Amino acid sequence: MRVMMTAMSILLAAGPAGASGGLSCGAKDEAVKLTIESGVTRGMGSPVFNFRGEIELAEKAISQDLRAMSFEREHLAQYWLDGEELRMVVYRERESDKPHGYVEITVRTKSGDEGDYIGQYSVTVFDMTDASGGDGKTYNFTGRATCLVE
């Protein structure tokens, strides 16, 4: 009976550890430095928790507040993880009295070996530089993204 209770206690204590994992994605090239990290729960939809990310863009024509930006869970607009693919869309608008601007990041990867996901990122930045209106300017960047899912 004691052995059974001890075994049951060990199993119950180990249960939550198997119920969650994590993901991390990154890209680094001449134009973009991107990092994304999050906890992931197992089960229907694999919801994320403690989501965070950062991007740094080298393009000096983009306003500084859009060139270096951080992201939290509320900026994760779309997310897909099914064991074969990991896809994300992260979107954040400028938060100030400045004219409209945003950064949108799309990551599309396919499963490789042992939790590795390899694919592409695309970044779109819209920067309305003139406070009186106008067309603004759109910048697009693409490159290789790698992710790890545990």
C-alpha atoms as a PDB file:
ATOM      1  CA  MET A   1       0.000   0.000   0.000  1.00  0.00           C
ATOM      2  CA  ARG A   2       2.824   2.422   0.868  1.00  0.00           C
ATOM      3  CA  VAL A   3       4.581   1.598  -2.376  1.00  0.00           C
ATOM      4  CA  MET A   4       1.381   2.303  -4.295  1.00  0.00           C
ATOM      5  CA  MET A   5       0.870   5.648  -2.495  1.00  0.00           C
ATOM      6  CA  THR A   6       4.507   6.642  -3.097  1.00  0.00           C
ATOM      7  CA  ALA A   7       4.274   5.734  -6.773  1.00  0.00           C
ATOM      8  CA  MET A   8       1.014   7.672  -7.109  1.00  0.00           C
ATOM      9  CA  SER A   9       2.581  10.728  -5.428  1.00  0.00           C
ATOM     10  CA  ILE A  10       5.527  10.634  -7.823  1.00  0.00           C
ATOM     11  CA  LEU A  11       3.242  10.342 -10.838  1.00  0.00           C
ATOM     12  CA  LEU A  12       1.053  13.217  -9.691  1.00  0.00           C
ATOM     13  CA  ALA A  13       4.060  15.421  -8.983  1.00  0.00           C
ATOM     14  CA  ALA A  14       5.541  14.685 -12.411  1.00  0.00           C
ATOM     15  CA  GLY A  15       2.246  15.287 -14.247  1.00  0.00           C
ATOM     16  CA  PRO A  16       2.344  19.058 -14.703  1.00  0.00           C
ATOM     17  CA  ALA A  17       5.927  18.979 -15.984  1.00  0.00           C
ATOM     18  CA  GLY A  18       4.760  16.913 -18.928  1.00  0.00           C
ATOM     19  CA  ALA A  19       1.846  19.258 -19.532  1.00  0.00           C
ATOM     20  CA  SER A  20       3.923  22.143 -20.839  1.00  0.00           C
ATOM     21  CA  GLY A  21       6.961  22.879 -22.938  1.00  0.00           C
ATOM     22  CA  GLY A  22       8.359  25.830 -24.756  1.00  0.00           C
ATOM     23  CA  LEU A  23       9.200  27.320 -28.090  1.00  0.00           C
ATOM     24  CA  SER A  24      11.856  29.708 -29.263  1.00  0.00           C
ATOM     25  CA  CYS A  25      12.361  31.239 -32.686  1.00  0.00           C
ATOM     26  CA  GLY A  26      15.093  33.390 -34.051  1.00  0.00           C
ATOM     27  CA  ALA A  27      16.434  35.073 -37.131  1.00  0.00           C
ATOM     28  CA  LYS A  28      19.576  37.091 -37.583  1.00  0.00           C
ATOM     29  CA  ASP A  29      20.877  38.623 -40.782  1.00  0.00           C
ATOM     30  CA  GLU A  30      22.070  42.019 -42.046  1.00  0.00           C
ATOM     31  CA  ALA A  31      18.592  43.550 -41.836  1.00  0.00           C
ATOM     32  CA  VAL A  32      16.774  41.804 -38.967  1.00  0.00           C
ATOM     33  CA  LYS A  33      17.521  40.413 -35.529  1.00  0.00           C
ATOM     34  CA  LEU A  34      14.461  38.594 -34.165  1.00  0.00           C
ATOM     35  CA  THR A  35      13.866  36.524 -31.029  1.00  0.00           C
ATOM     36  CA  ILE A  36      10.585  34.990 -29.865  1.00  0.00           C
ATOM     37  CA  GLU A  37      10.117  32.798 -26.783  1.00  0.00           C
ATOM     38  CA  SER A  38       7.065  31.312 -25.128  1.00  0.00           C
ATOM     39  CA  GLY A  39       5.795  28.556 -22.926  1.00  0.00           C
ATOM     40  CA  VAL A  40       3.400  26.142 -24.635  1.00  0.00           C
ATOM     41  CA  THR A  41       0.837  23.921 -22.954  1.00  0.00           C
ATOM     42  CA  ARG A  42       0.084  20.485 -24.343  1.00  0.00           C
ATOM     43  CA  GLY A  43      -3.396  19.738 -25.512  1.00  0.00           C
ATOM     44  CA  MET A  44      -6.077  21.235 -27.708  1.00  0.00           C
ATOM     45  CA  GLY A  45      -4.629  24.221 -29.549  1.00  0.00           C
ATOM     46  CA  SER A  46      -1.331  24.255 -27.611  1.00  0.00           C
ATOM     47  CA  PRO A  47      -2.027  27.642 -25.964  1.00  0.00           C
ATOM     48  CA  VAL A  48       0.958  29.863 -25.204  1.00  0.00           C
ATOM     49  CA  PHE A  49       1.965  31.586 -21.970  1.00  0.00           C
ATOM     50  CA  ASN A  50       4.770  34.005 -21.046  1.00  0.00           C
ATOM     51  CA  PHE A  51       5.025  34.996 -24.713  1.00  0.00           C
ATOM     52  CA  ARG A  52       7.672  37.606 -25.464  1.00  0.00           C
ATOM     53  CA  GLY A  53       9.732  38.749 -28.404  1.00  0.00           C
ATOM     54  CA  GLU A  54      12.058  41.438 -29.649  1.00  0.00           C
ATOM     55  CA  ILE A  55      13.031  42.749 -33.032  1.00  0.00           C
ATOM     56  CA  GLU A  56      15.837  45.042 -34.118  1.00  0.00           C
ATOM     57  CA  LEU A  57      15.905  46.398 -37.662  1.00  0.00           C
ATOM     58  CA  ALA A  58      19.051  47.808 -39.246  1.00  0.00           C
ATOM     59  CA  GLU A  59      17.268  50.116 -41.723  1.00  0.00           C
ATOM     60  CA  LYS A  60      18.041  53.659 -40.498  1.00  0.00           C
ATOM     61  CA  ALA A  61      15.225  55.217 -42.563  1.00  0.00           C
ATOM     62  CA  ILE A  62      12.686  53.588 -40.205  1.00  0.00           C
ATOM     63  CA  SER A  63      11.804  55.595 -37.085  1.00  0.00           C
ATOM     64  CA  GLN A  64      13.678  54.424 -33.979  1.00  0.00           C
ATOM     65  CA  ASP A  65      10.533  53.395 -32.070  1.00  0.00           C
ATOM     66  CA  LEU A  66       9.662  50.929 -34.863  1.00  0.00           C
ATOM     67  CA  ARG A  67      13.257  49.760 -35.441  1.00  0.00           C
ATOM     68  CA  ALA A  68      13.607  48.314 -31.933  1.00  0.00           C
ATOM     69  CA  MET A  69      10.385  46.889 -30.525  1.00  0.00           C
ATOM     70  CA  SER A  70       9.354  44.307 -27.952  1.00  0.00           C
ATOM     71  CA  PHE A  71       6.271  42.091 -28.032  1.00  0.00           C
ATOM     72  CA  GLU A  72       4.034  40.478 -25.413  1.00  0.00           C
ATOM     73  CA  ARG A  73       1.163  37.967 -25.557  1.00  0.00           C
ATOM     74  CA  GLU A  74      -1.375  40.571 -26.689  1.00  0.00           C
ATOM     75  CA  HIS A  75       0.671  41.130 -29.863  1.00  0.00           C
ATOM     76  CA  LEU A  76       0.432  37.483 -30.984  1.00  0.00           C
ATOM     77  CA  ALA A  77      -2.321  37.859 -33.599  1.00  0.00           C
ATOM     78  CA  GLN A  78      -2.246  34.294 -34.983  1.00  0.00           C
ATOM     79  CA  TYR A  79      -0.536  31.085 -33.943  1.00  0.00           C
ATOM     80  CA  TRP A  80      -0.464  27.521 -35.281  1.00  0.00           C
ATOM     81  CA  LEU A  81       1.477  24.527 -33.934  1.00  0.00           C
ATOM     82  CA  ASP A  82       0.477  21.020 -34.978  1.00  0.00           C
ATOM     83  CA  GLY A  83       3.670  18.940 -34.910  1.00  0.00           C
ATOM     84  CA  GLU A  84       4.270  19.508 -38.624  1.00  0.00           C
ATOM     85  CA  GLU A  85       4.217  23.302 -38.795  1.00  0.00           C
ATOM     86  CA  LEU A  86       4.739  26.293 -36.532  1.00  0.00           C
ATOM     87  CA  ARG A  87       3.256  29.547 -37.782  1.00  0.00           C
ATOM     88  CA  MET A  88       2.914  32.897 -36.056  1.00  0.00           C
ATOM     89  CA  VAL A  89       1.805  36.399 -36.870  1.00  0.00           C
ATOM     90  CA  VAL A  90       2.944  39.050 -34.407  1.00  0.00           C
ATOM     91  CA  TYR A  91       1.567  42.576 -34.813  1.00  0.00           C
ATOM     92  CA  ARG A  92       2.146  45.757 -32.852  1.00  0.00           C
ATOM     93  CA  GLU A  93       1.218  49.342 -33.579  1.00  0.00           C
ATOM     94  CA  ARG A  94       3.178  52.391 -32.533  1.00  0.00           C
ATOM     95  CA  GLU A  95       2.162  53.577 -29.057  1.00  0.00           C
ATOM     96  CA  SER A  96       2.671  57.315 -28.955  1.00  0.00           C
ATOM     97  CA  ASP A  97       1.410  60.620 -30.244  1.00  0.00           C
ATOM     98  CA  LYS A  98       3.380  60.035 -33.435  1.00  0.00           C
ATOM     99  CA  PRO A  99       1.577  59.251 -36.695  1.00  0.00           C
ATOM    100  CA  HIS A 100       0.424  55.687 -37.382  1.00  0.00           C
ATOM    101  CA  GLY A 101       3.029  52.952 -37.703  1.00  0.00           C
ATOM    102  CA  TYR A 102       3.260  49.206 -37.110  1.00  0.00           C
ATOM    103  CA  VAL A 103       5.496  46.153 -37.249  1.00  0.00           C
ATOM    104  CA  GLU A 104       4.078  42.829 -38.469  1.00  0.00           C
ATOM    105  CA  ILE A 105       6.127  39.638 -38.253  1.00  0.00           C
ATOM    106  CA  THR A 106       5.123  36.374 -39.917  1.00  0.00           C
ATOM    107  CA  VAL A 107       7.012  33.162 -39.127  1.00  0.00           C
ATOM    108  CA  ARG A 108       6.296  30.002 -41.176  1.00  0.00           C
ATOM    109  CA  THR A 109       8.305  26.906 -40.374  1.00  0.00           C
ATOM    110  CA  LYS A 110       8.085  23.156 -40.941  1.00  0.00           C
ATOM    111  CA  SER A 111       9.134  20.416 -38.565  1.00  0.00           C
ATOM    112  CA  GLY A 112      12.579  18.916 -38.967  1.00  0.00           C
ATOM    113  CA  ASP A 113      14.571  16.689 -36.630  1.00  0.00           C
ATOM    114  CA  GLU A 114      14.025  16.522 -32.859  1.00  0.00           C
ATOM    115  CA  GLY A 115      11.921  19.634 -32.325  1.00  0.00           C
ATOM    116  CA  ASP A 116      13.657  21.807 -34.915  1.00  0.00           C
ATOM    117  CA  TYR A 117      11.420  23.884 -37.160  1.00  0.00           C
ATOM    118  CA  ILE A 118      13.006  25.614 -40.153  1.00  0.00           C
ATOM    119  CA  GLY A 119      11.438  28.105 -42.531  1.00  0.00           C
ATOM    120  CA  GLN A 120      11.056  31.773 -43.314  1.00  0.00           C
ATOM    121  CA  TYR A 121      10.209  35.029 -41.609  1.00  0.00           C
ATOM    122  CA  SER A 122       8.761  38.117 -43.201  1.00  0.00           C
ATOM    123  CA  VAL A 123       8.599  41.527 -41.578  1.00  0.00           C
ATOM    124  CA  THR A 124       6.472  44.421 -42.774  1.00  0.00           C
ATOM    125  CA  VAL A 125       6.945  47.849 -41.239  1.00  0.00           C
ATOM    126  CA  PHE A 126       4.661  50.766 -42.007  1.00  0.00           C
ATOM    127  CA  ASP A 127       5.964  54.163 -40.922  1.00  0.00           C
ATOM    128  CA  MET A 128       3.831  57.263 -41.347  1.00  0.00           C
ATOM    129  CA  THR A 129       6.579  59.802 -40.940  1.00  0.00           C
ATOM    130  CA  ASP A 130       4.547  62.942 -41.681  1.00  0.00           C
ATOM    131  CA  ALA A 131       2.201  64.055 -38.887  1.00  0.00           C
ATOM    132  CA  SER A 132      -0.053  65.860 -41.374  1.00  0.00           C
ATOM    133  CA  GLY A 133      -0.849  62.669 -43.286  1.00  0.00           C
ATOM    134  CA  GLY A 134       0.534  61.469 -46.555  1.00  0.00           C
ATOM    135  CA  ASP A 135       1.240  57.990 -47.788  1.00  0.00           C
ATOM    136  CA  GLY A 136       3.823  56.823 -45.298  1.00  0.00           C
ATOM    137  CA  LYS A 137       6.405  54.238 -46.256  1.00  0.00           C
ATOM    138  CA  THR A 138       6.297  50.444 -46.159  1.00  0.00           C
ATOM    139  CA  TYR A 139       9.425  48.340 -45.638  1.00  0.00           C
ATOM    140  CA  ASN A 140       9.566  44.582 -46.237  1.00  0.00           C
ATOM    141  CA  PHE A 141      12.189  42.088 -45.088  1.00  0.00           C
ATOM    142  CA  THR A 142      12.401  38.304 -45.510  1.00  0.00           C
ATOM    143  CA  GLY A 143      14.878  35.661 -44.455  1.00  0.00           C
ATOM    144  CA  ARG A 144      15.487  32.331 -42.789  1.00  0.00           C
ATOM    145  CA  ALA A 145      13.910  31.566 -39.412  1.00  0.00           C
ATOM    146  CA  THR A 146      14.678  28.670 -37.101  1.00  0.00           C
ATOM    147  CA  CYS A 147      12.578  27.542 -34.168  1.00  0.00           C
ATOM    148  CA  LEU A 148      12.855  24.924 -31.450  1.00  0.00           C
ATOM    149  CA  VAL A 149       9.787  23.353 -29.860  1.00  0.00           C
ATOM    150  CA  GLU A 150      10.050  21.238 -26.712  1.00  0.00           C
END
